[in-house]
Amino acid sequence: MTSATTPVLSVTMQPAGRVLVIRSSCAIDGSAPSPEHITHYAAAEQARFVLLDATSAPYTDTAGLRWLLRMRDQPAPIRIVARKGGRIWRALKLMQLEFPLFDSVQQAWNAPWLRPGRSR
């Protein structure tokens, strides 16, 4: 696998050290690459975890929530960054989906490892 940025629709996957950063400027609606593809890419890049930066994403729908749940079940742990109080943050809290959820990329990047199912 190459270390180059891979754009897909309005989603960008980019390895950054031992972290695979996914940035989305479109809705989290399940149209991103499959969780299995992302896990394969993360493993090829030897990423410790996947960081989903959804701060520019306007919302998530039910397909996006299902996509996030599938991401949570993958071997590569996921950390989600969303605007605190924003639509994605509220949707995840309302649905009581326990993800490592952060309000800044820096906070997510520097956070100690959390067991799946725990949020900050």
N, C-alpha and C. Protein backbone atom coordinates (compact mmCIF):
# COMPACT_ATOMS: atom_id res chain seq x y z
N MET A 1 0.85 -1.19 0.00
CA MET A 1 0.00 0.00 0.00
C MET A 1 0.88 1.23 0.00
N THR A 2 0.42 2.22 -0.63
CA THR A 2 1.16 3.48 -0.70
C THR A 2 0.75 4.39 0.44
N SER A 3 1.61 5.34 0.75
CA SER A 3 1.31 6.29 1.82
C SER A 3 0.60 7.53 1.31
N ALA A 4 0.24 7.55 0.05
CA ALA A 4 -0.40 8.73 -0.53
C ALA A 4 -1.82 8.88 -0.01
N THR A 5 -2.30 10.11 -0.05
CA THR A 5 -3.67 10.39 0.34
C THR A 5 -4.62 9.73 -0.66
N THR A 6 -5.67 9.10 -0.17
CA THR A 6 -6.64 8.42 -1.01
C THR A 6 -7.99 9.12 -0.90
N PRO A 7 -8.36 9.99 -1.88
CA PRO A 7 -9.66 10.64 -1.78
C PRO A 7 -10.78 9.72 -2.29
N VAL A 8 -11.89 9.68 -1.60
CA VAL A 8 -13.06 8.94 -2.00
C VAL A 8 -14.26 9.83 -1.72
N LEU A 9 -14.96 10.24 -2.76
CA LEU A 9 -16.04 11.21 -2.63
C LEU A 9 -15.51 12.40 -1.83
N SER A 10 -16.12 12.74 -0.70
CA SER A 10 -15.61 13.82 0.13
C SER A 10 -14.95 13.28 1.39
N VAL A 11 -14.45 12.07 1.30
CA VAL A 11 -13.77 11.42 2.42
C VAL A 11 -12.31 11.24 2.04
N THR A 12 -11.41 11.57 2.94
CA THR A 12 -9.98 11.41 2.69
C THR A 12 -9.38 10.51 3.76
N MET A 13 -8.67 9.47 3.31
CA MET A 13 -7.94 8.60 4.23
C MET A 13 -6.47 8.91 4.06
N GLN A 14 -5.80 9.16 5.17
CA GLN A 14 -4.39 9.51 5.10
C GLN A 14 -3.65 8.96 6.31
N PRO A 15 -2.61 8.15 6.08
CA PRO A 15 -1.81 7.70 7.21
C PRO A 15 -1.01 8.87 7.76
N ALA A 16 -0.93 8.95 9.07
CA ALA A 16 -0.17 10.01 9.74
C ALA A 16 0.58 9.34 10.88
N GLY A 17 1.79 8.93 10.61
CA GLY A 17 2.52 8.17 11.63
C GLY A 17 1.86 6.83 11.80
N ARG A 18 1.52 6.47 13.02
CA ARG A 18 0.88 5.18 13.30
C ARG A 18 -0.63 5.35 13.45
N VAL A 19 -1.19 6.38 12.88
CA VAL A 19 -2.62 6.65 12.95
C VAL A 19 -3.16 6.82 11.54
N LEU A 20 -4.31 6.20 11.25
CA LEU A 20 -4.98 6.42 9.97
C LEU A 20 -6.05 7.47 10.21
N VAL A 21 -5.89 8.64 9.60
CA VAL A 21 -6.85 9.74 9.78
C VAL A 21 -7.82 9.71 8.61
N ILE A 22 -9.10 9.71 8.94
CA ILE A 22 -10.16 9.81 7.93
C ILE A 22 -10.88 11.12 8.18
N ARG A 23 -10.90 11.98 7.17
CA ARG A 23 -11.60 13.26 7.28
C ARG A 23 -12.79 13.25 6.33
N SER A 24 -13.92 13.68 6.85
CA SER A 24 -15.13 13.72 6.03
C SER A 24 -15.72 15.11 6.05
N SER A 25 -15.96 15.65 4.86
CA SER A 25 -16.64 16.94 4.77
C SER A 25 -18.06 16.75 4.26
N CYS A 26 -18.44 15.48 4.05
CA CYS A 26 -19.81 15.18 3.63
C CYS A 26 -20.51 14.47 4.79
N ALA A 27 -21.78 14.24 4.64
CA ALA A 27 -22.54 13.54 5.67
C ALA A 27 -21.98 12.15 5.89
N ILE A 28 -21.99 11.70 7.13
CA ILE A 28 -21.62 10.32 7.45
C ILE A 28 -22.87 9.50 7.14
N ASP A 29 -22.88 8.91 5.94
CA ASP A 29 -24.09 8.25 5.46
C ASP A 29 -23.85 6.83 4.96
N GLY A 30 -22.70 6.29 5.27
CA GLY A 30 -22.43 4.92 4.86
C GLY A 30 -21.83 4.81 3.47
N SER A 31 -21.58 5.93 2.79
CA SER A 31 -21.02 5.87 1.44
C SER A 31 -19.49 5.87 1.44
N ALA A 32 -18.88 5.94 2.59
CA ALA A 32 -17.42 5.90 2.69
C ALA A 32 -16.92 4.49 2.37
N PRO A 33 -15.63 4.32 2.23
CA PRO A 33 -15.11 2.97 2.00
C PRO A 33 -15.57 2.03 3.11
N SER A 34 -15.70 0.77 2.78
CA SER A 34 -16.19 -0.21 3.76
C SER A 34 -15.25 -0.29 4.95
N PRO A 35 -15.79 -0.61 6.12
CA PRO A 35 -14.94 -0.80 7.29
C PRO A 35 -13.85 -1.85 7.07
N GLU A 36 -14.16 -2.87 6.30
CA GLU A 36 -13.17 -3.90 6.02
C GLU A 36 -12.02 -3.33 5.19
N HIS A 37 -12.34 -2.49 4.21
CA HIS A 37 -11.30 -1.84 3.39
C HIS A 37 -10.44 -0.94 4.27
N ILE A 38 -11.08 -0.18 5.14
CA ILE A 38 -10.34 0.73 6.02
C ILE A 38 -9.43 -0.06 6.96
N THR A 39 -9.93 -1.16 7.49
CA THR A 39 -9.13 -1.99 8.39
C THR A 39 -7.93 -2.57 7.64
N HIS A 40 -8.15 -3.03 6.42
CA HIS A 40 -7.04 -3.56 5.61
C HIS A 40 -6.00 -2.47 5.36
N TYR A 41 -6.45 -1.29 5.01
CA TYR A 41 -5.56 -0.16 4.76
C TYR A 41 -4.80 0.21 6.04
N ALA A 42 -5.49 0.25 7.18
CA ALA A 42 -4.86 0.57 8.46
C ALA A 42 -3.80 -0.46 8.81
N ALA A 43 -4.10 -1.73 8.58
CA ALA A 43 -3.13 -2.79 8.87
C ALA A 43 -1.90 -2.67 7.98
N ALA A 44 -2.11 -2.36 6.70
CA ALA A 44 -1.00 -2.21 5.77
C ALA A 44 -0.10 -1.04 6.18
N GLU A 45 -0.69 -0.02 6.76
CA GLU A 45 0.06 1.17 7.20
C GLU A 45 0.54 1.03 8.64
N GLN A 46 0.25 -0.11 9.29
CA GLN A 46 0.61 -0.39 10.68
C GLN A 46 0.06 0.67 11.64
N ALA A 47 -1.17 1.11 11.38
CA ALA A 47 -1.82 2.11 12.22
C ALA A 47 -2.26 1.48 13.54
N ARG A 48 -2.06 2.20 14.64
CA ARG A 48 -2.51 1.75 15.95
C ARG A 48 -4.02 1.92 16.09
N PHE A 49 -4.57 2.98 15.46
CA PHE A 49 -6.01 3.22 15.51
C PHE A 49 -6.42 4.08 14.34
N VAL A 50 -7.73 4.15 14.13
CA VAL A 50 -8.34 4.98 13.09
C VAL A 50 -8.95 6.19 13.77
N LEU A 51 -8.65 7.37 13.26
CA LEU A 51 -9.20 8.61 13.81
C LEU A 51 -10.14 9.20 12.76
N LEU A 52 -11.43 9.21 13.05
CA LEU A 52 -12.42 9.78 12.13
C LEU A 52 -12.68 11.22 12.53
N ASP A 53 -12.24 12.15 11.69
CA ASP A 53 -12.47 13.57 11.92
C ASP A 53 -13.76 13.97 11.22
N ALA A 54 -14.84 14.04 11.99
CA ALA A 54 -16.16 14.38 11.44
C ALA A 54 -16.54 15.81 11.79
N THR A 55 -15.56 16.66 12.13
CA THR A 55 -15.88 18.03 12.53
C THR A 55 -16.46 18.85 11.38
N SER A 56 -16.17 18.48 10.13
CA SER A 56 -16.73 19.19 8.98
C SER A 56 -17.94 18.50 8.38
N ALA A 57 -18.26 17.32 8.89
CA ALA A 57 -19.42 16.59 8.38
C ALA A 57 -20.69 17.21 8.97
N PRO A 58 -21.69 17.46 8.14
CA PRO A 58 -22.89 18.14 8.66
C PRO A 58 -23.79 17.27 9.54
N TYR A 59 -23.85 15.96 9.27
CA TYR A 59 -24.74 15.10 10.04
C TYR A 59 -24.40 13.64 9.74
N THR A 60 -25.04 12.74 10.48
CA THR A 60 -25.01 11.32 10.17
C THR A 60 -26.45 10.82 10.10
N ASP A 61 -26.69 9.91 9.18
CA ASP A 61 -28.03 9.31 9.09
C ASP A 61 -27.94 7.87 9.59
N THR A 62 -29.03 7.11 9.45
CA THR A 62 -29.04 5.75 9.99
C THR A 62 -28.01 4.85 9.29
N ALA A 63 -27.82 5.04 7.99
CA ALA A 63 -26.80 4.26 7.28
C ALA A 63 -25.41 4.61 7.83
N GLY A 64 -25.19 5.86 8.15
CA GLY A 64 -23.92 6.28 8.73
C GLY A 64 -23.71 5.70 10.12
N LEU A 65 -24.78 5.65 10.91
CA LEU A 65 -24.68 5.05 12.24
C LEU A 65 -24.35 3.55 12.12
N ARG A 66 -24.98 2.87 11.15
CA ARG A 66 -24.66 1.45 10.93
C ARG A 66 -23.21 1.30 10.49
N TRP A 67 -22.72 2.21 9.64
CA TRP A 67 -21.32 2.18 9.20
C TRP A 67 -20.39 2.35 10.40
N LEU A 68 -20.72 3.29 11.29
CA LEU A 68 -19.91 3.50 12.50
C LEU A 68 -19.92 2.26 13.39
N LEU A 69 -21.07 1.62 13.53
CA LEU A 69 -21.13 0.39 14.33
C LEU A 69 -20.27 -0.71 13.72
N ARG A 70 -20.28 -0.81 12.39
CA ARG A 70 -19.41 -1.78 11.72
C ARG A 70 -17.94 -1.43 11.93
N MET A 71 -17.62 -0.12 11.93
CA MET A 71 -16.24 0.31 12.19
C MET A 71 -15.83 -0.08 13.60
N ARG A 72 -16.73 0.04 14.54
CA ARG A 72 -16.43 -0.28 15.94
C ARG A 72 -16.10 -1.76 16.09
N ASP A 73 -16.67 -2.61 15.25
CA ASP A 73 -16.45 -4.05 15.34
C ASP A 73 -15.17 -4.51 14.64
N GLN A 74 -14.44 -3.60 14.01
CA GLN A 74 -13.21 -3.96 13.30
C GLN A 74 -12.04 -4.04 14.28
N PRO A 75 -10.97 -4.76 13.89
CA PRO A 75 -9.80 -4.89 14.78
C PRO A 75 -9.11 -3.56 15.08
N ALA A 76 -9.08 -2.64 14.13
CA ALA A 76 -8.43 -1.35 14.37
C ALA A 76 -9.38 -0.47 15.18
N PRO A 77 -9.00 -0.07 16.40
CA PRO A 77 -9.88 0.79 17.21
C PRO A 77 -10.16 2.12 16.50
N ILE A 78 -11.34 2.66 16.70
CA ILE A 78 -11.72 3.94 16.09
C ILE A 78 -11.93 4.99 17.17
N ARG A 79 -11.48 6.20 16.88
CA ARG A 79 -11.75 7.36 17.71
C ARG A 79 -12.46 8.36 16.82
N ILE A 80 -13.51 8.96 17.34
CA ILE A 80 -14.33 9.89 16.56
C ILE A 80 -14.18 11.30 17.11
N VAL A 81 -13.94 12.23 16.21
CA VAL A 81 -13.89 13.65 16.56
C VAL A 81 -15.10 14.31 15.92
N ALA A 82 -15.90 14.98 16.74
CA ALA A 82 -17.09 15.69 16.24
C ALA A 82 -17.24 16.99 17.03
N ARG A 83 -17.96 17.93 16.43
CA ARG A 83 -18.21 19.19 17.15
C ARG A 83 -19.09 18.90 18.36
N LYS A 84 -18.60 19.28 19.54
CA LYS A 84 -19.35 19.04 20.77
C LYS A 84 -20.69 19.79 20.67
N GLY A 85 -21.78 19.07 20.87
CA GLY A 85 -23.11 19.65 20.77
C GLY A 85 -23.64 19.67 19.35
N GLY A 86 -22.80 19.31 18.36
CA GLY A 86 -23.22 19.28 16.95
C GLY A 86 -24.13 18.08 16.67
N ARG A 87 -24.61 18.00 15.45
CA ARG A 87 -25.57 16.96 15.09
C ARG A 87 -25.02 15.54 15.25
N ILE A 88 -23.76 15.34 14.85
CA ILE A 88 -23.17 14.00 14.96
C ILE A 88 -22.94 13.64 16.43
N TRP A 89 -22.40 14.59 17.19
CA TRP A 89 -22.18 14.37 18.62
C TRP A 89 -23.49 13.99 19.31
N ARG A 90 -24.54 14.79 19.04
CA ARG A 90 -25.84 14.54 19.66
C ARG A 90 -26.42 13.19 19.25
N ALA A 91 -26.29 12.84 17.96
CA ALA A 91 -26.82 11.56 17.48
C ALA A 91 -26.15 10.40 18.20
N LEU A 92 -24.84 10.46 18.35
CA LEU A 92 -24.11 9.37 19.02
C LEU A 92 -24.51 9.29 20.50
N LYS A 93 -24.66 10.44 21.14
CA LYS A 93 -25.05 10.44 22.55
C LYS A 93 -26.51 9.99 22.72
N LEU A 94 -27.39 10.47 21.85
CA LEU A 94 -28.81 10.12 21.92
C LEU A 94 -29.02 8.62 21.74
N MET A 95 -28.27 8.03 20.81
CA MET A 95 -28.39 6.60 20.54
C MET A 95 -27.63 5.77 21.58
N GLN A 96 -26.93 6.45 22.48
CA GLN A 96 -26.14 5.81 23.53
C GLN A 96 -25.13 4.83 22.94
N LEU A 97 -24.53 5.26 21.81
CA LEU A 97 -23.48 4.46 21.19
C LEU A 97 -22.16 4.84 21.84
N GLU A 98 -21.58 3.90 22.51
CA GLU A 98 -20.35 4.16 23.26
C GLU A 98 -19.14 4.07 22.34
N PHE A 99 -18.72 5.22 21.84
CA PHE A 99 -17.51 5.33 21.04
C PHE A 99 -16.53 6.23 21.79
N PRO A 100 -15.23 6.05 21.57
CA PRO A 100 -14.29 7.06 22.06
C PRO A 100 -14.57 8.35 21.26
N LEU A 101 -15.20 9.33 21.90
CA LEU A 101 -15.68 10.54 21.24
C LEU A 101 -14.95 11.74 21.80
N PHE A 102 -14.42 12.57 20.91
CA PHE A 102 -13.61 13.72 21.30
C PHE A 102 -14.08 14.96 20.55
N ASP A 103 -13.77 16.13 21.11
CA ASP A 103 -14.18 17.37 20.42
C ASP A 103 -13.01 18.06 19.72
N SER A 104 -11.83 17.44 19.70
CA SER A 104 -10.72 17.99 18.91
C SER A 104 -9.82 16.84 18.45
N VAL A 105 -9.20 17.04 17.30
CA VAL A 105 -8.29 16.03 16.76
C VAL A 105 -7.11 15.85 17.72
N GLN A 106 -6.60 16.94 18.25
CA GLN A 106 -5.47 16.86 19.17
C GLN A 106 -5.82 16.02 20.41
N GLN A 107 -7.00 16.24 20.95
CA GLN A 107 -7.44 15.48 22.12
C GLN A 107 -7.54 13.99 21.78
N ALA A 108 -8.10 13.66 20.63
CA ALA A 108 -8.24 12.26 20.21
C ALA A 108 -6.87 11.64 19.97
N TRP A 109 -5.99 12.38 19.34
CA TRP A 109 -4.65 11.89 19.00
C TRP A 109 -3.87 11.55 20.27
N ASN A 110 -3.95 12.44 21.26
CA ASN A 110 -3.13 12.31 22.47
C ASN A 110 -3.76 11.47 23.57
N ALA A 111 -5.00 11.07 23.40
CA ALA A 111 -5.70 10.31 24.45
C ALA A 111 -5.03 8.96 24.65
N PRO A 112 -4.98 8.51 25.90
CA PRO A 112 -4.46 7.16 26.14
C PRO A 112 -5.40 6.15 25.50
N TRP A 113 -4.89 4.96 25.28
CA TRP A 113 -5.71 3.92 24.69
C TRP A 113 -6.90 3.63 25.58
N LEU A 114 -8.06 3.52 24.97
CA LEU A 114 -9.29 3.21 25.70
C LEU A 114 -9.82 1.87 25.21
N ARG A 115 -10.32 1.07 26.11
CA ARG A 115 -10.96 -0.17 25.70
C ARG A 115 -12.19 0.16 24.87
N PRO A 116 -12.52 -0.67 23.86
CA PRO A 116 -13.74 -0.45 23.09
C PRO A 116 -14.95 -0.36 24.02
N GLY A 117 -15.87 0.53 23.67
CA GLY A 117 -17.08 0.69 24.47
C GLY A 117 -16.98 1.77 25.52
N ARG A 118 -15.83 2.46 25.60
CA ARG A 118 -15.68 3.53 26.58
C ARG A 118 -15.51 4.85 25.84
N SER A 119 -16.09 5.89 26.36
CA SER A 119 -15.91 7.22 25.76
C SER A 119 -15.33 8.16 26.80
N ARG A 120 -14.81 9.25 26.32
CA ARG A 120 -14.24 10.26 27.20
C ARG A 120 -15.28 11.24 27.60
